[in-house]
Amino acid sequence: MFKNKQNTIIVQKIYKAIMLLTGLFLVGSAYSQNLQFGKTRLIGSKTDTVPTGKVWKVETIIYKQGIVTCPTSGVSINISDSIALDGTKMMVRAQRFSGLYENTTYRFAHAPEFLVWEQKLPMWLPAGSTLAAGRGVFYLSVLEFNETP
């Protein structure tokens, strides 16, 4: 059928590669899952757990206070907002401000500095994860999905 041994080896390697890829596809699809939308939830300060067979997608963090304006005096402000994720405090927003500082003796000054950092969303949580609003957070807006095979 094949003219030489080299062609036979190439055909055998192609056949093995096709069989390997087919096997990987079948194994992968056995473990794959689909997500089906279930409901929306608002998570407050009471700790909630992602139920078995569910996945949560944290969409929005609803803060108790908006972003504070930068002070104009020499007063510094440090505000940190957090949530409890699996019992661990996790920062979700930080605001750092320092106002105008001036030292007339040494003739120097620096302008007000302003920094705001926020957690990137969405945040996906698997079954068994716990979640609660923490300091500075009123609610977490969550979409709940059902895992389907």
Protein backbone atom coordinates (compact mmCIF):
# COMPACT_ATOMS: atom_id res chain seq x y z
CA MET A 1 0.00 0.00 0.00
CA PHE A 2 2.74 2.52 0.95
CA LYS A 3 5.83 2.84 -1.19
CA ASN A 4 8.35 2.99 1.62
CA LYS A 5 8.81 2.59 5.38
CA GLN A 6 9.08 6.37 5.94
CA ASN A 7 5.57 7.00 4.55
CA THR A 8 4.21 4.22 6.76
CA ILE A 9 5.74 5.83 9.88
CA ILE A 10 4.30 9.25 8.96
CA VAL A 11 0.82 7.78 8.46
CA GLN A 12 1.06 5.96 11.80
CA LYS A 13 2.05 9.19 13.60
CA ILE A 14 -0.85 11.08 12.01
CA TYR A 15 -3.25 8.29 13.03
CA LYS A 16 -1.93 8.35 16.66
CA ALA A 17 -2.25 12.16 16.78
CA ILE A 18 -5.87 11.98 15.57
CA MET A 19 -6.68 9.29 18.18
CA LEU A 20 -5.00 11.33 20.95
CA LEU A 21 -6.90 14.50 20.03
CA THR A 22 -10.19 12.58 19.85
CA GLY A 23 -9.53 11.10 23.30
CA LEU A 24 -8.66 14.50 24.77
CA PHE A 25 -11.85 15.97 23.32
CA LEU A 26 -14.00 13.19 24.80
CA VAL A 27 -12.34 13.47 28.23
CA GLY A 28 -12.60 17.28 28.16
CA SER A 29 -16.28 17.22 27.30
CA ALA A 30 -16.96 14.73 30.11
CA TYR A 31 -15.66 17.32 32.60
CA SER A 32 -17.04 20.43 30.93
CA GLN A 33 -20.01 22.26 32.33
CA ASN A 34 -22.44 24.91 31.29
CA LEU A 35 -23.77 27.74 33.39
CA GLN A 36 -27.47 28.53 33.37
CA PHE A 37 -28.68 31.80 34.93
CA GLY A 38 -30.56 31.25 38.18
CA LYS A 39 -31.28 34.49 40.05
CA THR A 40 -29.89 37.78 41.30
CA ARG A 41 -28.83 38.25 44.90
CA LEU A 42 -27.84 41.12 47.18
CA ILE A 43 -25.24 40.05 49.73
CA GLY A 44 -25.07 42.24 52.84
CA SER A 45 -23.07 42.02 56.05
CA LYS A 46 -24.44 38.55 56.87
CA THR A 47 -22.12 35.85 55.49
CA ASP A 48 -23.64 33.84 52.61
CA THR A 49 -22.26 30.65 51.07
CA VAL A 50 -22.32 29.71 47.39
CA PRO A 51 -24.56 26.59 47.35
CA THR A 52 -23.44 23.26 45.90
CA GLY A 53 -24.06 23.14 42.16
CA LYS A 54 -24.00 26.96 41.88
CA VAL A 55 -21.50 29.61 40.79
CA TRP A 56 -21.67 33.28 41.79
CA LYS A 57 -20.59 36.20 39.65
CA VAL A 58 -20.03 39.38 41.68
CA GLU A 59 -21.11 42.16 39.33
CA THR A 60 -21.19 45.34 41.42
CA ILE A 61 -20.02 46.62 44.78
CA ILE A 62 -22.42 49.14 46.33
CA TYR A 63 -20.44 51.38 48.66
CA LYS A 64 -21.79 53.17 51.72
CA GLN A 65 -19.96 56.36 50.74
CA GLY A 66 -18.91 57.87 47.43
CA ILE A 67 -15.40 58.98 46.63
CA VAL A 68 -14.30 61.70 49.01
CA THR A 69 -12.96 64.96 47.57
CA CYS A 70 -9.29 65.70 48.04
CA PRO A 71 -8.68 67.90 51.10
CA THR A 72 -7.11 71.33 50.66
CA SER A 73 -5.36 71.47 54.03
CA GLY A 74 -2.36 69.45 55.17
CA VAL A 75 -4.69 66.73 56.47
CA SER A 76 -4.21 63.22 55.06
CA ILE A 77 -7.12 60.85 54.58
CA ASN A 78 -6.87 57.07 54.18
CA ILE A 79 -10.12 55.20 53.55
CA SER A 80 -10.28 51.46 52.86
CA ASP A 81 -13.40 49.49 51.95
CA SER A 82 -13.46 45.71 52.21
CA ILE A 83 -15.44 42.50 51.89
CA ALA A 84 -15.06 39.13 53.61
CA LEU A 85 -14.16 36.42 51.10
CA ASP A 86 -13.89 32.93 52.58
CA GLY A 87 -13.50 34.53 56.01
CA THR A 88 -10.59 36.74 54.94
CA LYS A 89 -10.78 40.52 54.75
CA MET A 90 -10.20 41.62 51.14
CA MET A 91 -9.76 45.24 50.14
CA VAL A 92 -12.07 46.31 47.31
CA ARG A 93 -11.44 50.05 47.27
CA ALA A 94 -8.83 52.36 48.74
CA GLN A 95 -8.78 56.15 48.79
CA ARG A 96 -5.59 57.99 49.72
CA PHE A 97 -5.43 61.77 49.94
CA SER A 98 -2.91 64.28 51.15
CA GLY A 99 -3.64 67.96 50.95
CA LEU A 100 -1.38 70.88 50.21
CA TYR A 101 1.64 70.89 52.47
CA GLU A 102 3.74 73.99 52.81
CA ASN A 103 6.81 74.65 54.93
CA THR A 104 7.65 78.36 54.86
CA THR A 105 10.90 77.89 56.80
CA TYR A 106 12.46 75.74 54.08
CA ARG A 107 10.44 77.26 51.20
CA PHE A 108 8.95 74.11 49.71
CA ALA A 109 5.47 72.82 49.10
CA HIS A 110 3.79 69.90 47.41
CA ALA A 111 0.47 69.81 45.64
CA PRO A 112 -2.43 67.68 46.85
CA GLU A 113 -2.13 64.00 45.95
CA PHE A 114 -5.15 61.92 45.09
CA LEU A 115 -5.30 58.12 44.62
CA VAL A 116 -8.32 55.84 44.26
CA TRP A 117 -8.02 52.09 43.67
CA GLU A 118 -10.96 49.72 43.06
CA GLN A 119 -11.24 45.94 42.66
CA LYS A 120 -11.76 44.88 39.05
CA LEU A 121 -15.02 43.05 38.44
CA PRO A 122 -16.57 40.62 37.70
CA MET A 123 -15.35 38.21 40.37
CA TRP A 124 -16.35 34.53 39.98
CA LEU A 125 -16.86 32.38 43.08
CA PRO A 126 -17.20 28.57 43.06
CA ALA A 127 -19.52 26.49 45.25
CA GLY A 128 -18.54 26.53 48.93
CA SER A 129 -17.09 30.06 48.85
CA THR A 130 -18.35 32.48 51.50
CA LEU A 131 -19.00 36.17 50.95
CA ALA A 132 -20.11 39.15 53.05
CA ALA A 133 -20.05 42.93 52.76
CA GLY A 134 -17.43 44.48 55.01
CA ARG A 135 -16.24 47.92 56.04
CA GLY A 136 -17.59 50.65 53.76
CA VAL A 137 -19.63 48.21 51.63
CA PHE A 138 -23.43 48.25 51.77
CA TYR A 139 -24.20 45.38 49.35
CA LEU A 140 -22.63 43.14 46.74
CA SER A 141 -24.76 42.56 43.64
CA VAL A 142 -24.38 38.91 42.61
CA LEU A 143 -25.67 36.80 39.74
CA GLU A 144 -26.20 33.14 40.66
CA PHE A 145 -25.74 30.45 38.00
CA ASN A 146 -26.64 26.75 38.06
CA GLU A 147 -23.91 24.36 36.92
CA THR A 148 -25.32 21.96 34.34
CA PRO A 149 -23.42 19.06 32.75
